[in-house]
Amino acid sequence: MSEWLILSIAMVAACAVVLAVTLLSQRRRAARAEGAEPHQAQTPEVLEYMTMMIGVIYAIVLGLAIAGVWEARSAAQDDVRREAQALHEITQRAEVYPRAVQETLREDIESYVSYVLREEWPRMVKGEVLPSRGAELIDKLREDIAERAPAGDLEAQAYQPMLERVAITDDARNERAQNAGATLPAVVWFGLIIGALITVGLIFTMRLGRSTRELVVAGLFSALIAFLLFLVWDFDAPFGRAGAGTDTAEAFRQLFPGATQGL
């Protein structure tokens, strides 16, 4: 299911629930008021103050959650960018080598990139442990570079930096494997969901429903809470929820278009 479709369903459902409960509460109050002397219902000031404070506290908690998952997503993108850039620099430095060596290294790199996006990425989205095949492909790239002694000054100048870029790739892959999976623990999600229910539920204590504007504001408020929770849920997966098509893998797609065709 598309993430945009999930967001739309969540926001519409939140609005519908709040509006439905508000209208039902309004009808019940109207039925109880029949035959009684008319009076203007007022919300106690203490209740208004407590509602405001709970809303502020929940906003702070929600903001911290958004900042945390955003930071984790940014760190994941930096690791992927570092990994892709290191591999790209290997292909650039390999231009001083003979054509056959260039082709061998290019095939090694494209095989690794293709395996990362087609095999490792779905596992990272699910939070699973990465298989050892990716490390084996990096070892093969390292061996193909190290086993050939430099034949000239240009090759000697490119030799050590290429091995260093392989080490950077290996390190970035390990960081990527460690950061796979959800960022927020279950207890935080429990607090966010319960807090959302309490915050939205408190608006019913304000005797909403006396005008169309109040209904609109209540619906928009609930839709905003649903949107922010969706934002936290979406960013809680550092490497996205749409497989290799996510923005986090953009560096691989830009630098290695041949190895990422069809993704």
C-alpha atoms as a PDB file:
ATOM      1  CA  MET A   1       0.000   0.000   0.000  1.00  0.00           C
ATOM      2  CA  SER A   2       1.317   3.453  -0.939  1.00  0.00           C
ATOM      3  CA  GLU A   3       2.520   5.675   1.887  1.00  0.00           C
ATOM      4  CA  TRP A   4       0.407   8.543   0.547  1.00  0.00           C
ATOM      5  CA  LEU A   5      -2.660   6.311   0.591  1.00  0.00           C
ATOM      6  CA  ILE A   6      -1.939   5.334   4.198  1.00  0.00           C
ATOM      7  CA  LEU A   7      -1.579   9.011   5.126  1.00  0.00           C
ATOM      8  CA  SER A   8      -4.842   9.936   3.410  1.00  0.00           C
ATOM      9  CA  ILE A   9      -6.741   7.114   5.089  1.00  0.00           C
ATOM     10  CA  ALA A  10      -5.336   8.009   8.514  1.00  0.00           C
ATOM     11  CA  MET A  11      -6.195  11.701   8.210  1.00  0.00           C
ATOM     12  CA  VAL A  12      -9.693  11.083   6.852  1.00  0.00           C
ATOM     13  CA  ALA A  13     -10.368   8.455   9.521  1.00  0.00           C
ATOM     14  CA  ALA A  14      -9.207  10.798  12.294  1.00  0.00           C
ATOM     15  CA  CYS A  15     -11.431  13.604  11.015  1.00  0.00           C
ATOM     16  CA  ALA A  16     -14.410  11.280  10.612  1.00  0.00           C
ATOM     17  CA  VAL A  17     -14.102   9.863  14.138  1.00  0.00           C
ATOM     18  CA  VAL A  18     -13.782  13.281  15.758  1.00  0.00           C
ATOM     19  CA  LEU A  19     -16.660  14.777  13.792  1.00  0.00           C
ATOM     20  CA  ALA A  20     -18.874  11.763  14.407  1.00  0.00           C
ATOM     21  CA  VAL A  21     -18.244  11.762  18.152  1.00  0.00           C
ATOM     22  CA  THR A  22     -18.741  15.527  18.316  1.00  0.00           C
ATOM     23  CA  LEU A  23     -22.062  15.409  16.477  1.00  0.00           C
ATOM     24  CA  LEU A  24     -23.308  12.516  18.616  1.00  0.00           C
ATOM     25  CA  SER A  25     -22.334  14.377  21.773  1.00  0.00           C
ATOM     26  CA  GLN A  26     -24.122  17.474  20.507  1.00  0.00           C
ATOM     27  CA  ARG A  27     -27.310  15.530  19.828  1.00  0.00           C
ATOM     28  CA  ARG A  28     -27.242  13.928  23.258  1.00  0.00           C
ATOM     29  CA  ARG A  29     -26.802  17.291  24.930  1.00  0.00           C
ATOM     30  CA  ALA A  30     -29.677  18.685  22.879  1.00  0.00           C
ATOM     31  CA  ALA A  31     -31.917  15.763  23.869  1.00  0.00           C
ATOM     32  CA  ARG A  32     -31.096  16.187  27.537  1.00  0.00           C
ATOM     33  CA  ALA A  33     -31.740  19.921  27.352  1.00  0.00           C
ATOM     34  CA  GLU A  34     -35.307  19.475  26.064  1.00  0.00           C
ATOM     35  CA  GLY A  35     -37.786  20.705  28.638  1.00  0.00           C
ATOM     36  CA  ALA A  36     -35.088  22.235  30.805  1.00  0.00           C
ATOM     37  CA  GLU A  37     -34.457  25.908  31.275  1.00  0.00           C
ATOM     38  CA  PRO A  38     -32.022  27.235  28.705  1.00  0.00           C
ATOM     39  CA  HIS A  39     -28.575  28.041  29.984  1.00  0.00           C
ATOM     40  CA  GLN A  40     -25.213  28.733  28.508  1.00  0.00           C
ATOM     41  CA  ALA A  41     -22.805  25.838  29.074  1.00  0.00           C
ATOM     42  CA  GLN A  42     -19.423  27.051  30.132  1.00  0.00           C
ATOM     43  CA  THR A  43     -16.173  25.126  30.271  1.00  0.00           C
ATOM     44  CA  PRO A  44     -14.384  25.522  33.622  1.00  0.00           C
ATOM     45  CA  GLU A  45     -11.218  27.602  33.394  1.00  0.00           C
ATOM     46  CA  VAL A  46      -9.218  24.928  35.214  1.00  0.00           C
ATOM     47  CA  LEU A  47     -10.214  22.387  32.562  1.00  0.00           C
ATOM     48  CA  GLU A  48      -9.185  24.748  29.788  1.00  0.00           C
ATOM     49  CA  TYR A  49      -5.818  25.304  31.462  1.00  0.00           C
ATOM     50  CA  MET A  50      -5.208  21.556  31.926  1.00  0.00           C
ATOM     51  CA  THR A  51      -6.187  20.860  28.321  1.00  0.00           C
ATOM     52  CA  MET A  52      -3.761  23.505  27.113  1.00  0.00           C
ATOM     53  CA  MET A  53      -0.911  22.164  29.252  1.00  0.00           C
ATOM     54  CA  ILE A  54      -1.451  18.568  28.137  1.00  0.00           C
ATOM     55  CA  GLY A  55      -1.460  19.739  24.516  1.00  0.00           C
ATOM     56  CA  VAL A  56       1.807  21.618  25.009  1.00  0.00           C
ATOM     57  CA  ILE A  57       3.484  18.651  26.706  1.00  0.00           C
ATOM     58  CA  TYR A  58       2.380  16.287  23.950  1.00  0.00           C
ATOM     59  CA  ALA A  59       3.587  18.742  21.305  1.00  0.00           C
ATOM     60  CA  ILE A  60       7.045  18.763  22.922  1.00  0.00           C
ATOM     61  CA  VAL A  61       7.182  14.955  23.063  1.00  0.00           C
ATOM     62  CA  LEU A  62       5.990  14.679  19.472  1.00  0.00           C
ATOM     63  CA  GLY A  63       8.572  17.221  18.341  1.00  0.00           C
ATOM     64  CA  LEU A  64      11.376  15.301  20.052  1.00  0.00           C
ATOM     65  CA  ALA A  65      10.215  12.087  18.376  1.00  0.00           C
ATOM     66  CA  ILE A  66      10.199  13.758  14.957  1.00  0.00           C
ATOM     67  CA  ALA A  67      13.674  15.196  15.567  1.00  0.00           C
ATOM     68  CA  GLY A  68      14.991  11.777  16.628  1.00  0.00           C
ATOM     69  CA  VAL A  69      13.717   9.865  13.606  1.00  0.00           C
ATOM     70  CA  TRP A  70      14.776  12.690  11.276  1.00  0.00           C
ATOM     71  CA  GLU A  71      18.309  12.555  12.656  1.00  0.00           C
ATOM     72  CA  ALA A  72      18.393   8.769  12.192  1.00  0.00           C
ATOM     73  CA  ARG A  73      17.181   9.113   8.592  1.00  0.00           C
ATOM     74  CA  SER A  74      19.813  11.769   7.879  1.00  0.00           C
ATOM     75  CA  ALA A  75      22.559   9.567   9.370  1.00  0.00           C
ATOM     76  CA  ALA A  76      21.426   6.652   7.205  1.00  0.00           C
ATOM     77  CA  GLN A  77      21.523   8.840   4.098  1.00  0.00           C
ATOM     78  CA  ASP A  78      25.022  10.020   4.988  1.00  0.00           C
ATOM     79  CA  ASP A  79      26.238   6.411   5.344  1.00  0.00           C
ATOM     80  CA  VAL A  80      24.748   5.455   1.982  1.00  0.00           C
ATOM     81  CA  ARG A  81      26.187   8.550   0.328  1.00  0.00           C
ATOM     82  CA  ARG A  82      29.627   7.819   1.798  1.00  0.00           C
ATOM     83  CA  GLU A  83      29.455   4.213   0.610  1.00  0.00           C
ATOM     84  CA  ALA A  84      28.324   5.124  -2.909  1.00  0.00           C
ATOM     85  CA  GLN A  85      30.851   7.937  -3.249  1.00  0.00           C
ATOM     86  CA  ALA A  86      33.729   5.686  -2.179  1.00  0.00           C
ATOM     87  CA  LEU A  87      32.782   3.124  -4.824  1.00  0.00           C
ATOM     88  CA  HIS A  88      32.426   5.838  -7.441  1.00  0.00           C
ATOM     89  CA  GLU A  89      35.906   7.181  -6.669  1.00  0.00           C
ATOM     90  CA  ILE A  90      37.341   3.698  -7.168  1.00  0.00           C
ATOM     91  CA  THR A  91      35.946   3.639 -10.709  1.00  0.00           C
ATOM     92  CA  GLN A  92      37.394   7.096 -11.354  1.00  0.00           C
ATOM     93  CA  ARG A  93      40.857   6.280 -10.021  1.00  0.00           C
ATOM     94  CA  ALA A  94      40.901   2.999 -11.928  1.00  0.00           C
ATOM     95  CA  GLU A  95      41.054   4.903 -15.219  1.00  0.00           C
ATOM     96  CA  VAL A  96      44.871   4.845 -15.024  1.00  0.00           C
ATOM     97  CA  TYR A  97      44.779   1.032 -15.159  1.00  0.00           C
ATOM     98  CA  PRO A  98      44.526  -1.042 -18.343  1.00  0.00           C
ATOM     99  CA  ARG A  99      41.080  -1.504 -19.884  1.00  0.00           C
ATOM    100  CA  ALA A 100      40.772  -5.107 -18.716  1.00  0.00           C
ATOM    101  CA  VAL A 101      41.441  -4.135 -15.109  1.00  0.00           C
ATOM    102  CA  GLN A 102      38.937  -1.283 -15.330  1.00  0.00           C
ATOM    103  CA  GLU A 103      36.250  -3.631 -16.592  1.00  0.00           C
ATOM    104  CA  THR A 104      36.956  -6.136 -13.821  1.00  0.00           C
ATOM    105  CA  LEU A 105      36.674  -3.517 -11.097  1.00  0.00           C
ATOM    106  CA  ARG A 106      33.576  -2.000 -12.682  1.00  0.00           C
ATOM    107  CA  GLU A 107      31.897  -5.400 -12.773  1.00  0.00           C
ATOM    108  CA  ASP A 108      32.803  -5.985  -9.122  1.00  0.00           C
ATOM    109  CA  ILE A 109      31.322  -2.649  -8.093  1.00  0.00           C
ATOM    110  CA  GLU A 110      28.158  -2.990 -10.153  1.00  0.00           C
ATOM    111  CA  SER A 111      27.607  -6.497  -8.821  1.00  0.00           C
ATOM    112  CA  TYR A 112      27.935  -5.179  -5.283  1.00  0.00           C
ATOM    113  CA  VAL A 113      25.604  -2.220  -5.866  1.00  0.00           C
ATOM    114  CA  SER A 114      23.023  -4.423  -7.542  1.00  0.00           C
ATOM    115  CA  TYR A 115      23.160  -6.901  -4.667  1.00  0.00           C
ATOM    116  CA  VAL A 116      22.818  -4.122  -2.062  1.00  0.00           C
ATOM    117  CA  LEU A 117      19.708  -2.657  -3.636  1.00  0.00           C
ATOM    118  CA  ARG A 118      18.009  -5.879  -4.689  1.00  0.00           C
ATOM    119  CA  GLU A 119      18.886  -8.179  -1.792  1.00  0.00           C
ATOM    120  CA  GLU A 120      20.131  -6.203   1.214  1.00  0.00           C
ATOM    121  CA  TRP A 121      17.742  -3.266   1.034  1.00  0.00           C
ATOM    122  CA  PRO A 122      14.519  -5.278   1.505  1.00  0.00           C
ATOM    123  CA  ARG A 123      16.130  -6.949   4.529  1.00  0.00           C
ATOM    124  CA  MET A 124      17.098  -3.593   6.009  1.00  0.00           C
ATOM    125  CA  VAL A 125      13.549  -2.313   5.605  1.00  0.00           C
ATOM    126  CA  LYS A 126      12.346  -5.315   7.602  1.00  0.00           C
ATOM    127  CA  GLY A 127      15.113  -4.890  10.185  1.00  0.00           C
ATOM    128  CA  GLU A 128      16.671  -8.279   9.398  1.00  0.00           C
ATOM    129  CA  VAL A 129      20.332  -9.241   9.708  1.00  0.00           C
ATOM    130  CA  LEU A 130      22.249  -8.777   6.469  1.00  0.00           C
ATOM    131  CA  PRO A 131      23.761 -11.905   4.884  1.00  0.00           C
ATOM    132  CA  SER A 132      27.499 -12.250   4.440  1.00  0.00           C
ATOM    133  CA  ARG A 133      27.308 -12.101   0.648  1.00  0.00           C
ATOM    134  CA  GLY A 134      27.771  -8.314   0.642  1.00  0.00           C
ATOM    135  CA  ALA A 135      30.988  -8.580   2.661  1.00  0.00           C
ATOM    136  CA  GLU A 136      32.221 -11.277   0.280  1.00  0.00           C
ATOM    137  CA  LEU A 137      31.667  -8.976  -2.716  1.00  0.00           C
ATOM    138  CA  ILE A 138      33.665  -6.240  -0.977  1.00  0.00           C
ATOM    139  CA  ASP A 139      36.473  -8.734  -0.281  1.00  0.00           C
ATOM    140  CA  LYS A 140      36.519  -9.698  -3.946  1.00  0.00           C
ATOM    141  CA  LEU A 141      36.841  -6.044  -4.952  1.00  0.00           C
ATOM    142  CA  ARG A 142      39.676  -5.607  -2.462  1.00  0.00           C
ATOM    143  CA  GLU A 143      41.463  -8.689  -3.782  1.00  0.00           C
ATOM    144  CA  ASP A 144      41.158  -7.591  -7.415  1.00  0.00           C
ATOM    145  CA  ILE A 145      42.815  -4.298  -6.494  1.00  0.00           C
ATOM    146  CA  ALA A 146      45.471  -5.659  -4.143  1.00  0.00           C
ATOM    147  CA  GLU A 147      46.594  -8.672  -6.189  1.00  0.00           C
ATOM    148  CA  ARG A 148      47.778  -6.565  -9.120  1.00  0.00           C
ATOM    149  CA  ALA A 149      51.025  -4.742  -8.473  1.00  0.00           C
ATOM    150  CA  PRO A 150      51.139  -1.166  -9.847  1.00  0.00           C
ATOM    151  CA  ALA A 151      52.825  -1.073 -13.243  1.00  0.00           C
ATOM    152  CA  GLY A 152      53.771   2.594 -13.211  1.00  0.00           C
ATOM    153  CA  ASP A 153      53.791   5.821 -11.239  1.00  0.00           C
ATOM    154  CA  LEU A 154      50.151   6.642 -12.016  1.00  0.00           C
ATOM    155  CA  GLU A 155      48.993   3.224 -10.935  1.00  0.00           C
ATOM    156  CA  ALA A 156      51.138   3.448  -7.796  1.00  0.00           C
ATOM    157  CA  GLN A 157      49.542   6.775  -6.897  1.00  0.00           C
ATOM    158  CA  ALA A 158      46.030   5.337  -7.337  1.00  0.00           C
ATOM    159  CA  TYR A 159      46.708   1.988  -5.652  1.00  0.00           C
ATOM    160  CA  GLN A 160      46.614   2.950  -1.958  1.00  0.00           C
ATOM    161  CA  PRO A 161      43.709   5.447  -2.253  1.00  0.00           C
ATOM    162  CA  MET A 162      41.640   2.758  -3.974  1.00  0.00           C
ATOM    163  CA  LEU A 163      42.261   0.339  -1.111  1.00  0.00           C
ATOM    164  CA  GLU A 164      41.317   3.093   1.333  1.00  0.00           C
ATOM    165  CA  ARG A 165      38.034   3.622  -0.535  1.00  0.00           C
ATOM    166  CA  VAL A 166      37.312  -0.104  -0.215  1.00  0.00           C
ATOM    167  CA  ALA A 167      37.846   0.188   3.549  1.00  0.00           C
ATOM    168  CA  ILE A 168      35.462   3.168   3.630  1.00  0.00           C
ATOM    169  CA  THR A 169      32.887   1.129   1.725  1.00  0.00           C
ATOM    170  CA  ASP A 170      33.215  -1.753   4.163  1.00  0.00           C
ATOM    171  CA  ASP A 171      32.862   0.563   7.152  1.00  0.00           C
ATOM    172  CA  ALA A 172      29.834   2.325   5.657  1.00  0.00           C
ATOM    173  CA  ARG A 173      28.176  -1.020   4.972  1.00  0.00           C
ATOM    174  CA  ASN A 174      28.690  -2.059   8.593  1.00  0.00           C
ATOM    175  CA  GLU A 175      27.156   1.224   9.768  1.00  0.00           C
ATOM    176  CA  ARG A 176      24.243   0.679   7.407  1.00  0.00           C
ATOM    177  CA  ALA A 177      23.676  -2.804   8.788  1.00  0.00           C
ATOM    178  CA  GLN A 178      23.746  -1.570  12.392  1.00  0.00           C
ATOM    179  CA  ASN A 179      21.291   1.269  11.715  1.00  0.00           C
ATOM    180  CA  ALA A 180      18.726  -0.915   9.956  1.00  0.00           C
ATOM    181  CA  GLY A 181      15.416  -1.312  11.742  1.00  0.00           C
ATOM    182  CA  ALA A 182      13.134   0.982  13.690  1.00  0.00           C
ATOM    183  CA  THR A 183      14.585   3.954  15.567  1.00  0.00           C
ATOM    184  CA  LEU A 184      11.957   4.402  18.274  1.00  0.00           C
ATOM    185  CA  PRO A 185      11.354   1.643  20.841  1.00  0.00           C
ATOM    186  CA  ALA A 186       7.879   0.237  21.431  1.00  0.00           C
ATOM    187  CA  VAL A 187       7.431   2.123  24.706  1.00  0.00           C
ATOM    188  CA  VAL A 188       7.841   5.455  22.888  1.00  0.00           C
ATOM    189  CA  TRP A 189       5.219   4.470  20.343  1.00  0.00           C
ATOM    190  CA  PHE A 190       2.902   3.506  23.191  1.00  0.00           C
ATOM    191  CA  GLY A 191       3.331   6.959  24.694  1.00  0.00           C
ATOM    192  CA  LEU A 192       2.802   8.715  21.349  1.00  0.00           C
ATOM    193  CA  ILE A 193      -0.410   6.852  20.581  1.00  0.00           C
ATOM    194  CA  ILE A 194      -1.858   7.175  24.084  1.00  0.00           C
ATOM    195  CA  GLY A 195      -0.872  10.839  24.129  1.00  0.00           C
ATOM    196  CA  ALA A 196      -2.617  11.414  20.804  1.00  0.00           C
ATOM    197  CA  LEU A 197      -5.798   9.772  22.073  1.00  0.00           C
ATOM    198  CA  ILE A 198      -5.742  11.855  25.257  1.00  0.00           C
ATOM    199  CA  THR A 199      -4.982  15.098  23.424  1.00  0.00           C
ATOM    200  CA  VAL A 200      -7.717  14.587  20.839  1.00  0.00           C
ATOM    201  CA  GLY A 201     -10.120  13.245  23.450  1.00  0.00           C
ATOM    202  CA  LEU A 202      -9.739  16.353  25.585  1.00  0.00           C
ATOM    203  CA  ILE A 203     -11.275  18.530  22.888  1.00  0.00           C
ATOM    204  CA  PHE A 204     -14.606  16.841  23.632  1.00  0.00           C
ATOM    205  CA  THR A 205     -14.489  18.308  27.132  1.00  0.00           C
ATOM    206  CA  MET A 206     -14.621  21.788  25.600  1.00  0.00           C
ATOM    207  CA  ARG A 207     -18.256  21.282  24.482  1.00  0.00           C
ATOM    208  CA  LEU A 208     -17.464  21.551  20.783  1.00  0.00           C
ATOM    209  CA  GLY A 209     -20.145  21.365  18.157  1.00  0.00           C
ATOM    210  CA  ARG A 210     -21.988  24.583  18.854  1.00  0.00           C
ATOM    211  CA  SER A 211     -20.924  25.983  15.470  1.00  0.00           C
ATOM    212  CA  THR A 212     -19.599  24.807  12.124  1.00  0.00           C
ATOM    213  CA  ARG A 213     -16.293  26.543  12.743  1.00  0.00           C
ATOM    214  CA  GLU A 214     -15.725  24.487  15.878  1.00  0.00           C
ATOM    215  CA  LEU A 215     -16.372  21.281  13.950  1.00  0.00           C
ATOM    216  CA  VAL A 216     -13.914  22.340  11.240  1.00  0.00           C
ATOM    217  CA  VAL A 217     -11.232  23.218  13.790  1.00  0.00           C
ATOM    218  CA  ALA A 218     -11.738  19.901  15.614  1.00  0.00           C
ATOM    219  CA  GLY A 219     -11.436  17.980  12.338  1.00  0.00           C
ATOM    220  CA  LEU A 220      -8.312  19.864  11.255  1.00  0.00           C
ATOM    221  CA  PHE A 221      -6.709  19.374  14.660  1.00  0.00           C
ATOM    222  CA  SER A 222      -7.263  15.612  14.569  1.00  0.00           C
ATOM    223  CA  ALA A 223      -5.977  15.468  10.967  1.00  0.00           C
ATOM    224  CA  LEU A 224      -2.830  17.328  12.044  1.00  0.00           C
ATOM    225  CA  ILE A 225      -2.181  14.844  14.852  1.00  0.00           C
ATOM    226  CA  ALA A 226      -2.678  11.968  12.391  1.00  0.00           C
ATOM    227  CA  PHE A 227      -0.261  13.587   9.918  1.00  0.00           C
ATOM    228  CA  LEU A 228       2.451  14.105  12.550  1.00  0.00           C
ATOM    229  CA  LEU A 229       2.144  10.508  13.762  1.00  0.00           C
ATOM    230  CA  PHE A 230       2.394   9.329  10.154  1.00  0.00           C
ATOM    231  CA  LEU A 231       5.508  11.475   9.753  1.00  0.00           C
ATOM    232  CA  VAL A 232       7.111   9.808  12.770  1.00  0.00           C
ATOM    233  CA  TRP A 233       6.104   6.356  11.507  1.00  0.00           C
ATOM    234  CA  ASP A 234       7.511   6.997   8.039  1.00  0.00           C
ATOM    235  CA  PHE A 235      10.843   8.371   9.287  1.00  0.00           C
ATOM    236  CA  ASP A 236      11.084   5.630  11.922  1.00  0.00           C
ATOM    237  CA  ALA A 237      12.440   3.414   9.115  1.00  0.00           C
ATOM    238  CA  PRO A 238      15.872   5.007   8.382  1.00  0.00           C
ATOM    239  CA  PHE A 239      16.126   3.298   4.997  1.00  0.00           C
ATOM    240  CA  GLY A 240      12.516   3.905   4.011  1.00  0.00           C
ATOM    241  CA  ARG A 241       9.533   1.608   3.671  1.00  0.00           C
ATOM    242  CA  ALA A 242       9.403   1.395  -0.125  1.00  0.00           C
ATOM    243  CA  GLY A 243      12.458  -0.793  -0.690  1.00  0.00           C
ATOM    244  CA  ALA A 244      15.301   0.479  -2.872  1.00  0.00           C
ATOM    245  CA  GLY A 245      12.981   3.069  -4.411  1.00  0.00           C
ATOM    246  CA  THR A 246      13.281   5.273  -1.342  1.00  0.00           C
ATOM    247  CA  ASP A 247      15.153   8.576  -1.332  1.00  0.00           C
ATOM    248  CA  THR A 248      17.794   7.105   0.977  1.00  0.00           C
ATOM    249  CA  ALA A 249      19.134   5.004  -1.919  1.00  0.00           C
ATOM    250  CA  GLU A 250      19.270   7.962  -4.294  1.00  0.00           C
ATOM    251  CA  ALA A 251      23.084   8.153  -4.151  1.00  0.00           C
ATOM    252  CA  PHE A 252      23.421   4.629  -5.570  1.00  0.00           C
ATOM    253  CA  ARG A 253      20.904   5.343  -8.331  1.00  0.00           C
ATOM    254  CA  GLN A 254      22.652   8.563  -9.353  1.00  0.00           C
ATOM    255  CA  LEU A 255      26.225   7.252  -9.388  1.00  0.00           C
ATOM    256  CA  PHE A 256      25.504   3.752 -10.747  1.00  0.00           C
ATOM    257  CA  PRO A 257      22.543   3.979 -13.130  1.00  0.00           C
ATOM    258  CA  GLY A 258      23.573   0.814 -14.953  1.00  0.00           C
ATOM    259  CA  ALA A 259      23.445  -1.317 -11.811  1.00  0.00           C
ATOM    260  CA  THR A 260      20.135   0.133 -10.614  1.00  0.00           C
ATOM    261  CA  GLN A 261      18.011  -0.236 -13.715  1.00  0.00           C
ATOM    262  CA  GLY A 262      14.528  -1.538 -12.997  1.00  0.00           C
ATOM    263  CA  LEU A 263      14.489  -0.335  -9.376  1.00  0.00           C
END
